[in-house]
Amino acid sequence: MAEPDAPDRPAPPPETYEAIMQATYRAFCKHGYADLTTREIAEEFAKSRSLLHYHYDTKQELIVALLDYLLESHPAKAATDEIADPDERLELFIDRGLFGPQEAAFDFWDFHTALLELRLHAHRNDAYREQLDRTIGLITDLLAETIREGIEKGRFHDVDPEETAQFLYDAIDAARIRKITLGHDDAPRRTKHAIETFVLPTLRASDDDR
């Protein structure tokens, strides 16, 4: 069951907003979702606790704001500008999805463990479900755009971009879940090998096809 909507409050100034989101992020990764409290978030916040509560009253408000913050700065967005070649960009999406960005200043697996805990609550919480859906939509849309661009440039076969993107996302997501919940540390590596062996060769167009 979703919590009631948060009351209207003035938006924090950019510097305060950044500090609150970073504090929430650190606490989220450190404690996970289930055990996380606003007190623990406040302990990560260098400024006063009263300032934090002036802008955000509940854990849900802070988590929803954090998901929005992370969505706006998602590394998948940067990949579109970083790499022009759709084939190379697709490989980067796959690597980052399975192993995390190399420049990440956080523990990739701590974050995804906490995120998995949060996902377990999403079926009863409309606000969480909406934000998580937006995140999945962003990633699959960027994957589909990359595949579509590769088709237009003759780099990929004429496949359904949306279905292929969803398949890749689901395969990556399943590998992360296996590692987190079952301790299958080799799941990301094995999934990458399967994608490189069975998916990418059938997706890529040969020189004779171009």
N, C-alpha and C. Protein backbone atom coordinates (compact mmCIF):
# COMPACT_ATOMS: atom_id res chain seq x y z
N MET A 1 0.85 -1.19 0.00
CA MET A 1 0.00 0.00 0.00
C MET A 1 0.88 1.23 0.00
N ALA A 2 0.61 2.16 -0.89
CA ALA A 2 1.44 3.35 -1.02
C ALA A 2 1.22 4.28 0.16
N GLU A 3 2.30 4.97 0.55
CA GLU A 3 2.17 5.98 1.57
C GLU A 3 1.50 7.21 0.97
N PRO A 4 0.89 8.07 1.80
CA PRO A 4 0.26 9.27 1.27
C PRO A 4 1.28 10.21 0.66
N ASP A 5 0.81 11.04 -0.26
CA ASP A 5 1.71 11.99 -0.90
C ASP A 5 2.33 12.93 0.12
N ALA A 6 3.55 13.32 -0.16
CA ALA A 6 4.25 14.24 0.73
C ALA A 6 3.62 15.62 0.66
N PRO A 7 3.59 16.36 1.79
CA PRO A 7 3.08 17.72 1.74
C PRO A 7 4.00 18.61 0.92
N ASP A 8 3.44 19.69 0.41
CA ASP A 8 4.25 20.62 -0.38
C ASP A 8 5.28 21.29 0.51
N ARG A 9 6.52 21.31 0.04
CA ARG A 9 7.60 21.98 0.74
C ARG A 9 8.44 22.71 -0.27
N PRO A 10 9.13 23.76 0.15
CA PRO A 10 10.02 24.43 -0.79
C PRO A 10 11.15 23.51 -1.21
N ALA A 11 11.49 23.56 -2.48
CA ALA A 11 12.59 22.74 -2.98
C ALA A 11 13.89 23.23 -2.36
N PRO A 12 14.78 22.32 -1.97
CA PRO A 12 16.06 22.76 -1.40
C PRO A 12 16.91 23.44 -2.45
N PRO A 13 17.76 24.38 -2.04
CA PRO A 13 18.71 24.98 -2.99
C PRO A 13 19.60 23.89 -3.59
N PRO A 14 20.14 24.13 -4.77
CA PRO A 14 20.93 23.08 -5.45
C PRO A 14 22.02 22.47 -4.59
N GLU A 15 22.77 23.28 -3.85
CA GLU A 15 23.86 22.74 -3.04
C GLU A 15 23.32 21.84 -1.92
N THR A 16 22.23 22.28 -1.30
CA THR A 16 21.62 21.48 -0.24
C THR A 16 21.03 20.20 -0.80
N TYR A 17 20.36 20.32 -1.94
CA TYR A 17 19.78 19.14 -2.60
C TYR A 17 20.85 18.11 -2.91
N GLU A 18 21.97 18.55 -3.46
CA GLU A 18 23.07 17.63 -3.78
C GLU A 18 23.59 16.95 -2.52
N ALA A 19 23.75 17.71 -1.45
CA ALA A 19 24.27 17.15 -0.20
C ALA A 19 23.28 16.14 0.39
N ILE A 20 21.99 16.44 0.33
CA ILE A 20 20.99 15.52 0.85
C ILE A 20 20.95 14.23 0.03
N MET A 21 21.01 14.36 -1.29
CA MET A 21 20.96 13.16 -2.13
C MET A 21 22.21 12.30 -1.94
N GLN A 22 23.35 12.93 -1.79
CA GLN A 22 24.58 12.16 -1.57
C GLN A 22 24.53 11.45 -0.22
N ALA A 23 23.98 12.12 0.80
CA ALA A 23 23.84 11.50 2.11
C ALA A 23 22.86 10.33 2.04
N THR A 24 21.76 10.51 1.35
CA THR A 24 20.78 9.44 1.20
C THR A 24 21.39 8.27 0.46
N TYR A 25 22.16 8.58 -0.55
CA TYR A 25 22.81 7.54 -1.35
C TYR A 25 23.78 6.71 -0.51
N ARG A 26 24.61 7.40 0.27
CA ARG A 26 25.59 6.69 1.11
C ARG A 26 24.88 5.80 2.13
N ALA A 27 23.84 6.34 2.75
CA ALA A 27 23.10 5.58 3.76
C ALA A 27 22.38 4.39 3.11
N PHE A 28 21.82 4.60 1.93
CA PHE A 28 21.12 3.55 1.21
C PHE A 28 22.07 2.39 0.89
N CYS A 29 23.26 2.71 0.41
CA CYS A 29 24.25 1.67 0.09
C CYS A 29 24.77 0.99 1.35
N LYS A 30 24.94 1.74 2.42
CA LYS A 30 25.52 1.21 3.65
C LYS A 30 24.54 0.32 4.41
N HIS A 31 23.29 0.72 4.49
CA HIS A 31 22.32 0.04 5.34
C HIS A 31 21.30 -0.80 4.58
N GLY A 32 21.24 -0.63 3.25
CA GLY A 32 20.17 -1.28 2.50
C GLY A 32 18.87 -0.52 2.67
N TYR A 33 17.81 -1.04 2.05
CA TYR A 33 16.53 -0.35 2.15
C TYR A 33 15.76 -0.70 3.42
N ALA A 34 15.65 -1.98 3.73
CA ALA A 34 14.78 -2.42 4.82
C ALA A 34 15.17 -1.82 6.16
N ASP A 35 16.47 -1.72 6.43
CA ASP A 35 16.94 -1.23 7.72
C ASP A 35 17.23 0.27 7.72
N LEU A 36 17.02 0.92 6.62
CA LEU A 36 17.35 2.34 6.50
C LEU A 36 16.32 3.20 7.24
N THR A 37 16.80 4.20 7.97
CA THR A 37 15.93 5.16 8.65
C THR A 37 16.37 6.57 8.30
N THR A 38 15.49 7.53 8.54
CA THR A 38 15.86 8.92 8.30
C THR A 38 17.00 9.35 9.23
N ARG A 39 17.07 8.75 10.42
CA ARG A 39 18.16 9.07 11.34
C ARG A 39 19.51 8.69 10.72
N GLU A 40 19.57 7.52 10.09
CA GLU A 40 20.82 7.09 9.48
C GLU A 40 21.19 7.96 8.29
N ILE A 41 20.18 8.42 7.55
CA ILE A 41 20.45 9.37 6.46
C ILE A 41 20.99 10.67 7.03
N ALA A 42 20.37 11.14 8.12
CA ALA A 42 20.81 12.39 8.75
C ALA A 42 22.24 12.29 9.25
N GLU A 43 22.65 11.10 9.69
CA GLU A 43 24.03 10.91 10.16
C GLU A 43 25.05 11.06 9.04
N GLU A 44 24.61 10.84 7.81
CA GLU A 44 25.49 11.01 6.64
C GLU A 44 25.48 12.44 6.11
N PHE A 45 24.57 13.25 6.64
CA PHE A 45 24.36 14.62 6.17
C PHE A 45 25.18 15.57 7.03
N ALA A 46 26.10 16.29 6.42
CA ALA A 46 27.03 17.12 7.17
C ALA A 46 26.35 18.33 7.82
N LYS A 47 25.23 18.75 7.26
CA LYS A 47 24.54 19.91 7.82
C LYS A 47 23.56 19.45 8.89
N SER A 48 22.71 20.34 9.36
CA SER A 48 21.85 20.03 10.49
C SER A 48 20.74 19.06 10.10
N ARG A 49 20.35 18.22 11.07
CA ARG A 49 19.25 17.28 10.85
C ARG A 49 17.95 18.02 10.59
N SER A 50 17.78 19.16 11.24
CA SER A 50 16.55 19.93 11.05
C SER A 50 16.42 20.42 9.61
N LEU A 51 17.55 20.73 8.97
CA LEU A 51 17.51 21.15 7.57
C LEU A 51 17.05 20.01 6.68
N LEU A 52 17.52 18.79 6.96
CA LEU A 52 17.09 17.63 6.20
C LEU A 52 15.58 17.44 6.33
N HIS A 53 15.08 17.50 7.56
CA HIS A 53 13.65 17.26 7.80
C HIS A 53 12.78 18.44 7.33
N TYR A 54 13.39 19.59 7.16
CA TYR A 54 12.64 20.73 6.62
C TYR A 54 12.20 20.44 5.19
N HIS A 55 13.03 19.73 4.45
CA HIS A 55 12.72 19.46 3.04
C HIS A 55 12.12 18.06 2.83
N TYR A 56 12.50 17.09 3.65
CA TYR A 56 12.01 15.72 3.48
C TYR A 56 11.65 15.16 4.85
N ASP A 57 10.44 14.67 4.97
CA ASP A 57 9.96 14.22 6.28
C ASP A 57 10.08 12.72 6.48
N THR A 58 9.95 11.94 5.41
CA THR A 58 9.91 10.48 5.55
C THR A 58 10.99 9.81 4.70
N LYS A 59 11.23 8.56 5.01
CA LYS A 59 12.17 7.76 4.22
C LYS A 59 11.68 7.64 2.79
N GLN A 60 10.38 7.46 2.59
CA GLN A 60 9.87 7.33 1.23
C GLN A 60 10.17 8.57 0.40
N GLU A 61 9.95 9.74 0.98
CA GLU A 61 10.21 10.98 0.23
C GLU A 61 11.67 11.04 -0.20
N LEU A 62 12.57 10.67 0.70
CA LEU A 62 13.99 10.72 0.39
C LEU A 62 14.37 9.69 -0.67
N ILE A 63 13.82 8.49 -0.58
CA ILE A 63 14.15 7.45 -1.55
C ILE A 63 13.60 7.81 -2.93
N VAL A 64 12.37 8.31 -2.99
CA VAL A 64 11.80 8.71 -4.28
C VAL A 64 12.64 9.83 -4.89
N ALA A 65 13.05 10.79 -4.07
CA ALA A 65 13.90 11.87 -4.57
C ALA A 65 15.24 11.34 -5.03
N LEU A 66 15.80 10.37 -4.30
CA LEU A 66 17.08 9.77 -4.69
C LEU A 66 16.97 9.07 -6.04
N LEU A 67 15.91 8.31 -6.24
CA LEU A 67 15.74 7.62 -7.52
C LEU A 67 15.64 8.61 -8.66
N ASP A 68 14.96 9.72 -8.44
CA ASP A 68 14.86 10.75 -9.46
C ASP A 68 16.22 11.38 -9.73
N TYR A 69 16.97 11.64 -8.67
CA TYR A 69 18.31 12.20 -8.78
C TYR A 69 19.23 11.28 -9.58
N LEU A 70 19.20 9.99 -9.26
CA LEU A 70 20.05 9.02 -9.96
C LEU A 70 19.63 8.86 -11.41
N LEU A 71 18.34 8.98 -11.67
CA LEU A 71 17.86 8.85 -13.04
C LEU A 71 18.40 9.98 -13.91
N GLU A 72 18.44 11.18 -13.34
CA GLU A 72 18.90 12.34 -14.11
C GLU A 72 20.39 12.24 -14.44
N SER A 73 21.15 11.55 -13.58
CA SER A 73 22.60 11.47 -13.80
C SER A 73 23.03 10.05 -14.15
N HIS A 74 22.11 9.26 -14.69
CA HIS A 74 22.42 7.86 -14.97
C HIS A 74 23.56 7.75 -15.99
N PRO A 75 24.56 6.88 -15.71
CA PRO A 75 25.72 6.77 -16.62
C PRO A 75 25.34 6.30 -18.02
N ALA A 76 24.20 5.63 -18.16
CA ALA A 76 23.80 5.19 -19.50
C ALA A 76 23.56 6.37 -20.43
N LYS A 77 23.14 7.50 -19.87
CA LYS A 77 22.93 8.69 -20.69
C LYS A 77 24.25 9.19 -21.28
N ALA A 78 25.27 9.20 -20.44
CA ALA A 78 26.57 9.71 -20.90
C ALA A 78 27.15 8.85 -22.01
N ALA A 79 26.85 7.57 -22.00
CA ALA A 79 27.42 6.67 -23.01
C ALA A 79 27.00 7.07 -24.42
N THR A 80 25.79 7.63 -24.56
CA THR A 80 25.31 8.05 -25.87
C THR A 80 26.19 9.13 -26.45
N ASP A 81 26.68 10.05 -25.59
CA ASP A 81 27.55 11.12 -26.05
C ASP A 81 29.01 10.68 -26.13
N GLU A 82 29.38 9.72 -25.29
CA GLU A 82 30.78 9.29 -25.23
C GLU A 82 31.20 8.50 -26.46
N ILE A 83 30.31 7.65 -26.96
CA ILE A 83 30.69 6.70 -28.01
C ILE A 83 29.74 6.82 -29.20
N ALA A 84 30.27 7.17 -30.35
CA ALA A 84 29.45 7.35 -31.54
C ALA A 84 29.08 6.02 -32.19
N ASP A 85 29.98 5.06 -32.13
CA ASP A 85 29.73 3.78 -32.80
C ASP A 85 28.70 2.97 -32.01
N PRO A 86 27.58 2.58 -32.61
CA PRO A 86 26.53 1.87 -31.86
C PRO A 86 26.97 0.51 -31.35
N ASP A 87 27.85 -0.18 -32.08
CA ASP A 87 28.33 -1.49 -31.64
C ASP A 87 29.16 -1.35 -30.36
N GLU A 88 30.09 -0.40 -30.36
CA GLU A 88 30.91 -0.17 -29.17
C GLU A 88 30.06 0.32 -28.01
N ARG A 89 29.07 1.16 -28.30
CA ARG A 89 28.20 1.67 -27.24
C ARG A 89 27.38 0.55 -26.62
N LEU A 90 26.90 -0.37 -27.45
CA LEU A 90 26.13 -1.50 -26.93
C LEU A 90 26.99 -2.35 -25.99
N GLU A 91 28.24 -2.58 -26.36
CA GLU A 91 29.15 -3.34 -25.50
C GLU A 91 29.38 -2.62 -24.18
N LEU A 92 29.47 -1.29 -24.22
CA LEU A 92 29.65 -0.51 -23.00
C LEU A 92 28.42 -0.64 -22.10
N PHE A 93 27.22 -0.56 -22.68
CA PHE A 93 25.99 -0.74 -21.91
C PHE A 93 26.00 -2.09 -21.20
N ILE A 94 26.40 -3.13 -21.92
CA ILE A 94 26.40 -4.48 -21.35
C ILE A 94 27.41 -4.58 -20.21
N ASP A 95 28.63 -4.06 -20.43
CA ASP A 95 29.66 -4.11 -19.39
C ASP A 95 29.24 -3.34 -18.15
N ARG A 96 28.72 -2.13 -18.35
CA ARG A 96 28.32 -1.33 -17.20
C ARG A 96 27.15 -1.95 -16.45
N GLY A 97 26.24 -2.57 -17.19
CA GLY A 97 25.11 -3.21 -16.55
C GLY A 97 25.52 -4.40 -15.70
N LEU A 98 26.54 -5.12 -16.14
CA LEU A 98 26.97 -6.34 -15.43
C LEU A 98 28.02 -6.08 -14.36
N PHE A 99 28.86 -5.07 -14.58
CA PHE A 99 30.00 -4.87 -13.69
C PHE A 99 30.08 -3.47 -13.09
N GLY A 100 29.26 -2.55 -13.58
CA GLY A 100 29.26 -1.18 -13.06
C GLY A 100 30.25 -0.30 -13.79
N PRO A 101 30.03 1.02 -13.74
CA PRO A 101 30.99 1.95 -14.35
C PRO A 101 32.33 1.88 -13.64
N GLN A 102 33.41 1.91 -14.39
CA GLN A 102 34.74 1.84 -13.79
C GLN A 102 35.00 3.02 -12.87
N GLU A 103 34.39 4.17 -13.19
CA GLU A 103 34.65 5.38 -12.41
C GLU A 103 33.70 5.53 -11.24
N ALA A 104 32.87 4.52 -10.96
CA ALA A 104 31.87 4.63 -9.90
C ALA A 104 32.55 4.85 -8.55
N ALA A 105 32.06 5.86 -7.83
CA ALA A 105 32.61 6.18 -6.52
C ALA A 105 31.82 5.50 -5.41
N PHE A 106 31.23 4.37 -5.69
CA PHE A 106 30.44 3.65 -4.71
C PHE A 106 30.59 2.17 -5.01
N ASP A 107 30.13 1.34 -4.08
CA ASP A 107 30.18 -0.09 -4.31
C ASP A 107 28.98 -0.49 -5.17
N PHE A 108 29.24 -0.93 -6.35
CA PHE A 108 28.19 -1.27 -7.30
C PHE A 108 27.25 -2.32 -6.72
N TRP A 109 27.81 -3.29 -6.01
CA TRP A 109 26.98 -4.38 -5.51
C TRP A 109 26.23 -4.00 -4.24
N ASP A 110 26.81 -3.15 -3.41
CA ASP A 110 26.05 -2.63 -2.26
C ASP A 110 24.81 -1.88 -2.75
N PHE A 111 25.01 -1.08 -3.78
CA PHE A 111 23.88 -0.31 -4.30
C PHE A 111 22.80 -1.22 -4.87
N HIS A 112 23.19 -2.20 -5.67
CA HIS A 112 22.19 -3.06 -6.30
C HIS A 112 21.54 -4.01 -5.30
N THR A 113 22.25 -4.34 -4.23
CA THR A 113 21.62 -5.13 -3.17
C THR A 113 20.52 -4.31 -2.50
N ALA A 114 20.82 -3.06 -2.17
CA ALA A 114 19.81 -2.19 -1.57
C ALA A 114 18.66 -1.94 -2.55
N LEU A 115 18.99 -1.79 -3.83
CA LEU A 115 17.95 -1.56 -4.83
C LEU A 115 17.04 -2.76 -4.96
N LEU A 116 17.59 -3.96 -4.87
CA LEU A 116 16.77 -5.16 -4.94
C LEU A 116 15.81 -5.22 -3.75
N GLU A 117 16.28 -4.85 -2.56
CA GLU A 117 15.39 -4.78 -1.40
C GLU A 117 14.24 -3.81 -1.67
N LEU A 118 14.57 -2.68 -2.26
CA LEU A 118 13.55 -1.68 -2.57
C LEU A 118 12.54 -2.23 -3.57
N ARG A 119 13.01 -2.95 -4.56
CA ARG A 119 12.11 -3.49 -5.59
C ARG A 119 11.09 -4.45 -4.99
N LEU A 120 11.47 -5.14 -3.91
CA LEU A 120 10.54 -6.06 -3.27
C LEU A 120 9.34 -5.34 -2.66
N HIS A 121 9.51 -4.04 -2.40
CA HIS A 121 8.42 -3.24 -1.82
C HIS A 121 7.62 -2.50 -2.88
N ALA A 122 8.08 -2.51 -4.12
CA ALA A 122 7.47 -1.68 -5.15
C ALA A 122 6.06 -2.13 -5.52
N HIS A 123 5.76 -3.42 -5.38
CA HIS A 123 4.43 -3.88 -5.77
C HIS A 123 3.35 -3.35 -4.83
N ARG A 124 3.75 -2.84 -3.65
CA ARG A 124 2.80 -2.25 -2.72
C ARG A 124 2.97 -0.74 -2.59
N ASN A 125 3.84 -0.18 -3.37
CA ASN A 125 4.14 1.24 -3.23
C ASN A 125 4.18 1.89 -4.61
N ASP A 126 3.16 2.67 -4.91
CA ASP A 126 3.05 3.27 -6.25
C ASP A 126 4.22 4.20 -6.56
N ALA A 127 4.67 4.96 -5.56
CA ALA A 127 5.75 5.93 -5.81
C ALA A 127 7.05 5.21 -6.18
N TYR A 128 7.37 4.14 -5.46
CA TYR A 128 8.58 3.39 -5.79
C TYR A 128 8.44 2.73 -7.15
N ARG A 129 7.29 2.13 -7.40
CA ARG A 129 7.10 1.42 -8.67
C ARG A 129 7.23 2.38 -9.85
N GLU A 130 6.68 3.57 -9.72
CA GLU A 130 6.76 4.53 -10.82
C GLU A 130 8.20 4.92 -11.11
N GLN A 131 8.98 5.19 -10.06
CA GLN A 131 10.37 5.59 -10.26
C GLN A 131 11.22 4.45 -10.81
N LEU A 132 11.00 3.25 -10.32
CA LEU A 132 11.76 2.10 -10.83
C LEU A 132 11.39 1.81 -12.28
N ASP A 133 10.13 1.96 -12.62
CA ASP A 133 9.70 1.79 -14.02
C ASP A 133 10.37 2.81 -14.92
N ARG A 134 10.48 4.03 -14.43
CA ARG A 134 11.14 5.09 -15.21
C ARG A 134 12.60 4.74 -15.47
N THR A 135 13.27 4.18 -14.46
CA THR A 135 14.67 3.81 -14.62
C THR A 135 14.84 2.70 -15.65
N ILE A 136 14.02 1.66 -15.53
CA ILE A 136 14.08 0.57 -16.51
C ILE A 136 13.76 1.09 -17.91
N GLY A 137 12.77 1.97 -17.99
CA GLY A 137 12.40 2.54 -19.28
C GLY A 137 13.53 3.35 -19.90
N LEU A 138 14.25 4.12 -19.07
CA LEU A 138 15.38 4.89 -19.58
C LEU A 138 16.43 3.96 -20.19
N ILE A 139 16.79 2.92 -19.45
CA ILE A 139 17.87 2.03 -19.91
C ILE A 139 17.45 1.27 -21.16
N THR A 140 16.25 0.70 -21.15
CA THR A 140 15.81 -0.06 -22.33
C THR A 140 15.61 0.86 -23.54
N ASP A 141 15.17 2.09 -23.32
CA ASP A 141 15.03 3.04 -24.43
C ASP A 141 16.38 3.36 -25.05
N LEU A 142 17.39 3.58 -24.20
CA LEU A 142 18.73 3.89 -24.72
C LEU A 142 19.32 2.68 -25.45
N LEU A 143 19.09 1.48 -24.92
CA LEU A 143 19.53 0.28 -25.62
C LEU A 143 18.84 0.16 -26.97
N ALA A 144 17.52 0.38 -26.99
CA ALA A 144 16.76 0.27 -28.24
C ALA A 144 17.22 1.31 -29.25
N GLU A 145 17.49 2.53 -28.78
CA GLU A 145 17.97 3.58 -29.69
C GLU A 145 19.32 3.20 -30.29
N THR A 146 20.18 2.60 -29.48
CA THR A 146 21.50 2.17 -29.97
C THR A 146 21.35 1.07 -31.01
N ILE A 147 20.48 0.11 -30.73
CA ILE A 147 20.26 -0.98 -31.69
C ILE A 147 19.64 -0.44 -32.98
N ARG A 148 18.68 0.47 -32.84
CA ARG A 148 18.03 1.06 -34.02
C ARG A 148 19.05 1.83 -34.86
N GLU A 149 19.94 2.56 -34.19
CA GLU A 149 20.97 3.30 -34.92
C GLU A 149 21.91 2.32 -35.64
N GLY A 150 22.24 1.20 -34.98
CA GLY A 150 23.09 0.20 -35.62
C GLY A 150 22.45 -0.42 -36.84
N ILE A 151 21.12 -0.61 -36.79
CA ILE A 151 20.39 -1.14 -37.96
C ILE A 151 20.45 -0.14 -39.10
N GLU A 152 20.18 1.14 -38.77
CA GLU A 152 20.17 2.18 -39.80
C GLU A 152 21.54 2.34 -40.46
N LYS A 153 22.61 2.11 -39.71
CA LYS A 153 23.97 2.25 -40.24
C LYS A 153 24.48 0.95 -40.87
N GLY A 154 23.65 -0.09 -40.86
CA GLY A 154 24.04 -1.36 -41.45
C GLY A 154 24.96 -2.18 -40.58
N ARG A 155 25.10 -1.80 -39.30
CA ARG A 155 25.96 -2.56 -38.40
C ARG A 155 25.25 -3.77 -37.81
N PHE A 156 23.92 -3.68 -37.67
CA PHE A 156 23.14 -4.75 -37.07
C PHE A 156 22.10 -5.25 -38.05
N HIS A 157 21.68 -6.48 -37.88
CA HIS A 157 20.57 -7.03 -38.64
C HIS A 157 19.27 -6.32 -38.26
N ASP A 158 18.28 -6.46 -39.10
CA ASP A 158 17.00 -5.78 -38.88
C ASP A 158 16.16 -6.58 -37.86
N VAL A 159 16.46 -6.34 -36.60
CA VAL A 159 15.72 -6.99 -35.51
C VAL A 159 14.76 -5.97 -34.90
N ASP A 160 13.92 -6.43 -33.98
CA ASP A 160 13.04 -5.52 -33.25
C ASP A 160 13.87 -4.87 -32.14
N PRO A 161 14.13 -3.56 -32.22
CA PRO A 161 15.00 -2.91 -31.23
C PRO A 161 14.47 -3.00 -29.81
N GLU A 162 13.16 -2.80 -29.65
CA GLU A 162 12.58 -2.80 -28.30
C GLU A 162 12.66 -4.19 -27.67
N GLU A 163 12.29 -5.21 -28.43
CA GLU A 163 12.33 -6.57 -27.88
C GLU A 163 13.76 -7.01 -27.57
N THR A 164 14.69 -6.67 -28.43
CA THR A 164 16.09 -7.03 -28.21
C THR A 164 16.64 -6.30 -26.99
N ALA A 165 16.31 -5.02 -26.85
CA ALA A 165 16.75 -4.25 -25.70
C ALA A 165 16.19 -4.83 -24.40
N GLN A 166 14.91 -5.20 -24.42
CA GLN A 166 14.30 -5.77 -23.21
C GLN A 166 14.94 -7.10 -22.85
N PHE A 167 15.25 -7.90 -23.87
CA PHE A 167 15.91 -9.19 -23.61
C PHE A 167 17.28 -8.97 -22.96
N LEU A 168 18.07 -8.04 -23.50
CA LEU A 168 19.39 -7.77 -22.94
C LEU A 168 19.28 -7.26 -21.51
N TYR A 169 18.34 -6.34 -21.27
CA TYR A 169 18.16 -5.83 -19.91
C TYR A 169 17.80 -6.96 -18.96
N ASP A 170 16.86 -7.80 -19.36
CA ASP A 170 16.41 -8.89 -18.48
C ASP A 170 17.54 -9.87 -18.18
N ALA A 171 18.38 -10.15 -19.18
CA ALA A 171 19.50 -11.07 -18.96
C ALA A 171 20.50 -10.47 -17.97
N ILE A 172 20.80 -9.19 -18.13
CA ILE A 172 21.73 -8.51 -17.22
C ILE A 172 21.14 -8.45 -15.81
N ASP A 173 19.86 -8.12 -15.72
CA ASP A 173 19.20 -8.02 -14.43
C ASP A 173 19.20 -9.36 -13.71
N ALA A 174 18.91 -10.43 -14.43
CA ALA A 174 18.89 -11.77 -13.83
C ALA A 174 20.27 -12.16 -13.30
N ALA A 175 21.33 -11.78 -14.02
CA ALA A 175 22.69 -12.10 -13.57
C ALA A 175 23.00 -11.37 -12.27
N ARG A 176 22.60 -10.11 -12.18
CA ARG A 176 22.83 -9.36 -10.94
C ARG A 176 22.07 -9.98 -9.77
N ILE A 177 20.83 -10.38 -10.01
CA ILE A 177 20.02 -10.98 -8.95
C ILE A 177 20.62 -12.30 -8.48
N ARG A 178 21.10 -13.12 -9.41
CA ARG A 178 21.73 -14.39 -9.02
C ARG A 178 22.95 -14.15 -8.15
N LYS A 179 23.76 -13.18 -8.50
CA LYS A 179 24.95 -12.87 -7.70
C LYS A 179 24.55 -12.39 -6.31
N ILE A 180 23.58 -11.48 -6.25
CA ILE A 180 23.19 -10.88 -4.98
C ILE A 180 22.49 -11.88 -4.06
N THR A 181 21.55 -12.63 -4.60
CA THR A 181 20.70 -13.47 -3.75
C THR A 181 21.26 -14.87 -3.53
N LEU A 182 21.99 -15.40 -4.48
CA LEU A 182 22.47 -16.78 -4.40
C LEU A 182 23.98 -16.89 -4.25
N GLY A 183 24.68 -15.75 -4.33
CA GLY A 183 26.13 -15.80 -4.20
C GLY A 183 26.83 -16.37 -5.42
N HIS A 184 26.15 -16.36 -6.57
CA HIS A 184 26.78 -16.84 -7.81
C HIS A 184 27.66 -15.73 -8.38
N ASP A 185 28.87 -15.63 -7.85
CA ASP A 185 29.74 -14.51 -8.23
C ASP A 185 30.13 -14.53 -9.70
N ASP A 186 30.03 -15.70 -10.32
CA ASP A 186 30.41 -15.79 -11.73
C ASP A 186 29.24 -15.49 -12.66
N ALA A 187 28.06 -15.17 -12.12
CA ALA A 187 26.88 -14.94 -12.97
C ALA A 187 27.09 -13.79 -13.96
N PRO A 188 27.61 -12.64 -13.56
CA PRO A 188 27.83 -11.57 -14.54
C PRO A 188 28.79 -11.98 -15.65
N ARG A 189 29.89 -12.64 -15.27
CA ARG A 189 30.86 -13.06 -16.29
C ARG A 189 30.25 -14.08 -17.25
N ARG A 190 29.52 -15.04 -16.70
CA ARG A 190 28.91 -16.07 -17.55
C ARG A 190 27.84 -15.47 -18.46
N THR A 191 27.10 -14.51 -17.96
CA THR A 191 26.08 -13.86 -18.78
C THR A 191 26.72 -13.05 -19.89
N LYS A 192 27.80 -12.36 -19.58
CA LYS A 192 28.51 -11.63 -20.63
C LYS A 192 29.00 -12.59 -21.71
N HIS A 193 29.55 -13.72 -21.28
CA HIS A 193 30.04 -14.71 -22.25
C HIS A 193 28.89 -15.22 -23.12
N ALA A 194 27.72 -15.47 -22.52
CA ALA A 194 26.57 -15.96 -23.29
C ALA A 194 26.09 -14.91 -24.29
N ILE A 195 26.05 -13.65 -23.86
CA ILE A 195 25.63 -12.58 -24.76
C ILE A 195 26.62 -12.46 -25.93
N GLU A 196 27.91 -12.51 -25.62
CA GLU A 196 28.93 -12.39 -26.67
C GLU A 196 28.93 -13.61 -27.60
N THR A 197 28.53 -14.77 -27.09
CA THR A 197 28.57 -15.99 -27.88
C THR A 197 27.30 -16.19 -28.71
N PHE A 198 26.14 -15.89 -28.12
CA PHE A 198 24.87 -16.25 -28.75
C PHE A 198 24.05 -15.06 -29.25
N VAL A 199 24.25 -13.90 -28.68
CA VAL A 199 23.38 -12.75 -29.03
C VAL A 199 24.08 -11.81 -30.01
N LEU A 200 25.25 -11.32 -29.63
CA LEU A 200 25.91 -10.31 -30.46
C LEU A 200 26.28 -10.84 -31.85
N PRO A 201 26.77 -12.08 -31.99
CA PRO A 201 27.09 -12.56 -33.35
C PRO A 201 25.87 -12.62 -34.26
N THR A 202 24.69 -12.92 -33.72
CA THR A 202 23.50 -12.95 -34.56
C THR A 202 22.94 -11.57 -34.79
N LEU A 203 23.29 -10.63 -33.92
CA LEU A 203 22.82 -9.25 -34.10
C LEU A 203 23.67 -8.50 -35.12
N ARG A 204 24.97 -8.72 -35.06
CA ARG A 204 25.87 -7.97 -35.92
C ARG A 204 25.78 -8.43 -37.38
N ALA A 205 25.77 -7.48 -38.26
CA ALA A 205 25.76 -7.78 -39.70
C ALA A 205 27.18 -8.01 -40.17
N SER A 206 27.38 -9.02 -41.01
CA SER A 206 28.70 -9.28 -41.57
C SER A 206 28.99 -8.30 -42.72
N ASP A 207 30.23 -8.27 -43.15
CA ASP A 207 30.58 -7.39 -44.27
C ASP A 207 29.78 -7.73 -45.52
N ASP A 208 29.45 -9.00 -45.71
CA ASP A 208 28.67 -9.41 -46.88
C ASP A 208 27.24 -8.90 -46.81
N ASP A 209 26.73 -8.68 -45.59
CA ASP A 209 25.36 -8.21 -45.42
C ASP A 209 25.23 -6.71 -45.65
N ARG A 210 26.35 -5.98 -45.59
CA ARG A 210 26.27 -4.52 -45.66
C ARG A 210 26.24 -4.04 -47.09
